[in-house]
Amino acid sequence: MNWTLEVVVVPVSDLDRAKEFYAEKLGFHVDHDSTFGENARIVQLTPPGSGCSVVIGRGAVPEMPPGSLKGLQLVVPDLRAAHAELVARGVECSDVQVLGQNPHPVPDPLDNVGFVFFSDPDGNGWAVQQISSRS
């Protein structure tokens, strides 16, 4: 049996600001933006190429303090290109960092150990890791 992670709820304080950040700055696809009654709204966004989406919302998602989610991680085949894209889109992010060592030779020295870090407007923390073998 396959068990796939499909959705992660990201706690935010301002849905429109968060939707703009994830869609415009990060380039996530807006799957839907739905309102239920007067006080419930869900926005689902998916990173390009991902099988897992993020959901931001109010009234229809678990209550968590905005900015409290840390350690979310995206994987890309080319970290330098991803870093350049984030910078070009106006995302404040770290420089490319190498964390650790590969136990075996790899085609690119950033594979598995190359990271870039950023936060959304509420402070939810994201990492971008290079793993070229998944491309």
C-alpha atoms as a PDB file:
ATOM      1  CA  MET A   1       0.000   0.000   0.000  1.00  0.00           C
ATOM      2  CA  ASN A   2       1.289   3.476  -0.877  1.00  0.00           C
ATOM      3  CA  TRP A   3       0.893   6.214   1.713  1.00  0.00           C
ATOM      4  CA  THR A   4       1.305   9.627   0.160  1.00  0.00           C
ATOM      5  CA  LEU A   5       1.468  12.958   1.918  1.00  0.00           C
ATOM      6  CA  GLU A   6      -0.846  15.221  -0.077  1.00  0.00           C
ATOM      7  CA  VAL A   7      -1.559  18.330   2.027  1.00  0.00           C
ATOM      8  CA  VAL A   8       0.214  20.357   4.712  1.00  0.00           C
ATOM      9  CA  VAL A   9      -1.715  23.100   6.522  1.00  0.00           C
ATOM     10  CA  VAL A  10       0.394  26.259   6.891  1.00  0.00           C
ATOM     11  CA  PRO A  11      -0.808  28.721   9.565  1.00  0.00           C
ATOM     12  CA  VAL A  12      -0.985  32.323   8.365  1.00  0.00           C
ATOM     13  CA  SER A  13      -2.482  35.555   9.666  1.00  0.00           C
ATOM     14  CA  ASP A  14      -3.549  37.163   6.375  1.00  0.00           C
ATOM     15  CA  LEU A  15      -4.905  34.827   3.694  1.00  0.00           C
ATOM     16  CA  ASP A  16      -4.634  37.258   0.802  1.00  0.00           C
ATOM     17  CA  ARG A  17      -1.055  38.233   1.659  1.00  0.00           C
ATOM     18  CA  ALA A  18      -0.076  34.569   2.054  1.00  0.00           C
ATOM     19  CA  LYS A  19      -1.830  33.575  -1.187  1.00  0.00           C
ATOM     20  CA  GLU A  20       0.049  36.312  -3.044  1.00  0.00           C
ATOM     21  CA  PHE A  21       3.376  35.197  -1.529  1.00  0.00           C
ATOM     22  CA  TYR A  22       2.939  31.517  -2.367  1.00  0.00           C
ATOM     23  CA  ALA A  23       1.428  32.109  -5.820  1.00  0.00           C
ATOM     24  CA  GLU A  24       3.337  35.167  -7.040  1.00  0.00           C
ATOM     25  CA  LYS A  25       6.659  34.998  -5.192  1.00  0.00           C
ATOM     26  CA  LEU A  26       7.102  31.215  -5.077  1.00  0.00           C
ATOM     27  CA  GLY A  27       5.174  30.330  -8.224  1.00  0.00           C
ATOM     28  CA  PHE A  28       2.862  27.792  -6.564  1.00  0.00           C
ATOM     29  CA  HIS A  29      -0.260  26.908  -8.574  1.00  0.00           C
ATOM     30  CA  VAL A  30      -3.553  28.016  -6.994  1.00  0.00           C
ATOM     31  CA  ASP A  31      -5.657  24.840  -7.027  1.00  0.00           C
ATOM     32  CA  HIS A  32      -8.680  26.462  -5.448  1.00  0.00           C
ATOM     33  CA  ASP A  33      -9.786  29.357  -3.282  1.00  0.00           C
ATOM     34  CA  SER A  34     -13.065  28.439  -1.623  1.00  0.00           C
ATOM     35  CA  THR A  35     -15.291  30.249   0.853  1.00  0.00           C
ATOM     36  CA  PHE A  36     -17.734  28.369   3.073  1.00  0.00           C
ATOM     37  CA  GLY A  37     -20.263  30.609   4.771  1.00  0.00           C
ATOM     38  CA  GLU A  38     -19.179  33.915   6.238  1.00  0.00           C
ATOM     39  CA  ASN A  39     -16.094  32.882   8.214  1.00  0.00           C
ATOM     40  CA  ALA A  40     -14.487  29.900   6.507  1.00  0.00           C
ATOM     41  CA  ARG A  41     -12.068  29.998   3.590  1.00  0.00           C
ATOM     42  CA  ILE A  42      -9.510  27.547   2.223  1.00  0.00           C
ATOM     43  CA  VAL A  43      -6.829  28.223  -0.373  1.00  0.00           C
ATOM     44  CA  GLN A  44      -4.902  25.228  -1.718  1.00  0.00           C
ATOM     45  CA  LEU A  45      -1.623  25.822  -3.565  1.00  0.00           C
ATOM     46  CA  THR A  46       0.784  23.311  -5.091  1.00  0.00           C
ATOM     47  CA  PRO A  47       4.486  23.788  -5.847  1.00  0.00           C
ATOM     48  CA  PRO A  48       5.329  23.065  -9.502  1.00  0.00           C
ATOM     49  CA  GLY A  49       5.947  19.337  -9.932  1.00  0.00           C
ATOM     50  CA  SER A  50       4.863  18.436  -6.397  1.00  0.00           C
ATOM     51  CA  GLY A  51       2.374  15.796  -5.324  1.00  0.00           C
ATOM     52  CA  CYS A  52       1.847  17.629  -2.035  1.00  0.00           C
ATOM     53  CA  SER A  53      -0.039  20.901  -1.656  1.00  0.00           C
ATOM     54  CA  VAL A  54      -0.163  23.518   1.054  1.00  0.00           C
ATOM     55  CA  VAL A  55      -3.442  24.762   2.460  1.00  0.00           C
ATOM     56  CA  ILE A  56      -3.926  28.135   4.088  1.00  0.00           C
ATOM     57  CA  GLY A  57      -7.261  29.098   5.562  1.00  0.00           C
ATOM     58  CA  ARG A  58      -9.478  30.206   8.356  1.00  0.00           C
ATOM     59  CA  GLY A  59     -12.453  28.601  10.002  1.00  0.00           C
ATOM     60  CA  ALA A  60     -12.044  25.288   8.161  1.00  0.00           C
ATOM     61  CA  VAL A  61      -8.453  24.417   9.090  1.00  0.00           C
ATOM     62  CA  PRO A  62      -6.865  23.550  12.440  1.00  0.00           C
ATOM     63  CA  GLU A  63      -6.042  26.549  14.627  1.00  0.00           C
ATOM     64  CA  MET A  64      -2.280  27.073  14.898  1.00  0.00           C
ATOM     65  CA  PRO A  65      -0.334  30.242  15.666  1.00  0.00           C
ATOM     66  CA  PRO A  66       0.667  31.981  12.403  1.00  0.00           C
ATOM     67  CA  GLY A  67       4.343  31.437  11.672  1.00  0.00           C
ATOM     68  CA  SER A  68       4.643  28.423  13.979  1.00  0.00           C
ATOM     69  CA  LEU A  69       5.413  25.859  11.269  1.00  0.00           C
ATOM     70  CA  LYS A  70       9.140  25.296  10.797  1.00  0.00           C
ATOM     71  CA  GLY A  71      11.078  22.775   8.752  1.00  0.00           C
ATOM     72  CA  LEU A  72       8.989  22.639   5.598  1.00  0.00           C
ATOM     73  CA  GLN A  73      11.233  21.459   2.783  1.00  0.00           C
ATOM     74  CA  LEU A  74      11.151  21.679  -0.978  1.00  0.00           C
ATOM     75  CA  VAL A  75      13.494  19.610  -3.165  1.00  0.00           C
ATOM     76  CA  VAL A  76      14.915  20.832  -6.472  1.00  0.00           C
ATOM     77  CA  PRO A  77      17.366  19.364  -8.985  1.00  0.00           C
ATOM     78  CA  ASP A  78      19.366  22.625  -9.325  1.00  0.00           C
ATOM     79  CA  LEU A  79      19.762  24.701  -6.167  1.00  0.00           C
ATOM     80  CA  ARG A  80      21.691  27.513  -7.830  1.00  0.00           C
ATOM     81  CA  ALA A  81      18.870  27.993 -10.368  1.00  0.00           C
ATOM     82  CA  ALA A  82      16.234  27.794  -7.610  1.00  0.00           C
ATOM     83  CA  HIS A  83      18.128  30.385  -5.555  1.00  0.00           C
ATOM     84  CA  ALA A  84      18.358  32.699  -8.574  1.00  0.00           C
ATOM     85  CA  GLU A  85      14.617  32.300  -9.197  1.00  0.00           C
ATOM     86  CA  LEU A  86      13.743  33.092  -5.581  1.00  0.00           C
ATOM     87  CA  VAL A  87      15.926  36.203  -5.640  1.00  0.00           C
ATOM     88  CA  ALA A  88      14.462  37.314  -9.004  1.00  0.00           C
ATOM     89  CA  ARG A  89      10.938  36.911  -7.570  1.00  0.00           C
ATOM     90  CA  GLY A  90      11.853  39.080  -4.579  1.00  0.00           C
ATOM     91  CA  VAL A  91      11.947  36.362  -1.934  1.00  0.00           C
ATOM     92  CA  GLU A  92      14.318  37.129   0.925  1.00  0.00           C
ATOM     93  CA  CYS A  93      16.395  33.973   1.279  1.00  0.00           C
ATOM     94  CA  SER A  94      19.756  32.775   2.482  1.00  0.00           C
ATOM     95  CA  ASP A  95      22.713  32.219   0.229  1.00  0.00           C
ATOM     96  CA  VAL A  96      23.350  28.653  -0.893  1.00  0.00           C
ATOM     97  CA  GLN A  97      24.715  26.706   2.076  1.00  0.00           C
ATOM     98  CA  VAL A  98      26.378  23.313   2.333  1.00  0.00           C
ATOM     99  CA  LEU A  99      25.326  21.340   5.406  1.00  0.00           C
ATOM    100  CA  GLY A 100      27.173  18.111   5.974  1.00  0.00           C
ATOM    101  CA  GLN A 101      29.048  15.841   3.618  1.00  0.00           C
ATOM    102  CA  ASN A 102      28.043  13.242   1.087  1.00  0.00           C
ATOM    103  CA  PRO A 103      29.196   9.731   2.116  1.00  0.00           C
ATOM    104  CA  HIS A 104      29.772   8.856  -1.556  1.00  0.00           C
ATOM    105  CA  PRO A 105      30.807  10.834  -4.637  1.00  0.00           C
ATOM    106  CA  VAL A 106      27.907  12.629  -6.345  1.00  0.00           C
ATOM    107  CA  PRO A 107      27.672  14.370  -9.725  1.00  0.00           C
ATOM    108  CA  ASP A 108      27.244  17.818  -8.153  1.00  0.00           C
ATOM    109  CA  PRO A 109      28.786  18.776  -4.785  1.00  0.00           C
ATOM    110  CA  LEU A 110      25.476  20.391  -3.744  1.00  0.00           C
ATOM    111  CA  ASP A 111      23.498  17.140  -4.126  1.00  0.00           C
ATOM    112  CA  ASN A 112      21.883  16.173  -0.825  1.00  0.00           C
ATOM    113  CA  VAL A 113      23.831  18.760   1.200  1.00  0.00           C
ATOM    114  CA  GLY A 114      22.996  22.054  -0.556  1.00  0.00           C
ATOM    115  CA  PHE A 115      20.293  24.214   1.032  1.00  0.00           C
ATOM    116  CA  VAL A 116      18.653  27.636   0.806  1.00  0.00           C
ATOM    117  CA  PHE A 117      16.365  28.920   3.575  1.00  0.00           C
ATOM    118  CA  PHE A 118      13.493  31.410   3.573  1.00  0.00           C
ATOM    119  CA  SER A 119      10.344  32.280   5.510  1.00  0.00           C
ATOM    120  CA  ASP A 120       6.878  33.294   4.408  1.00  0.00           C
ATOM    121  CA  PRO A 121       5.472  36.672   5.562  1.00  0.00           C
ATOM    122  CA  ASP A 122       4.284  35.103   8.842  1.00  0.00           C
ATOM    123  CA  GLY A 123       7.615  33.432   9.632  1.00  0.00           C
ATOM    124  CA  ASN A 124       6.810  29.845   8.640  1.00  0.00           C
ATOM    125  CA  GLY A 125      10.239  28.398   7.865  1.00  0.00           C
ATOM    126  CA  TRP A 126      11.140  26.705   4.583  1.00  0.00           C
ATOM    127  CA  ALA A 127      14.248  24.968   3.271  1.00  0.00           C
ATOM    128  CA  VAL A 128      15.107  24.162  -0.329  1.00  0.00           C
ATOM    129  CA  GLN A 129      17.401  21.165  -0.789  1.00  0.00           C
ATOM    130  CA  GLN A 130      19.155  19.983  -3.937  1.00  0.00           C
ATOM    131  CA  ILE A 131      18.649  16.339  -4.862  1.00  0.00           C
ATOM    132  CA  SER A 132      19.318  16.042  -8.593  1.00  0.00           C
ATOM    133  CA  SER A 133      18.626  12.293  -8.720  1.00  0.00           C
ATOM    134  CA  ARG A 134      14.879  13.040  -8.354  1.00  0.00           C
ATOM    135  CA  SER A 135      14.690  15.190 -11.490  1.00  0.00           C
END
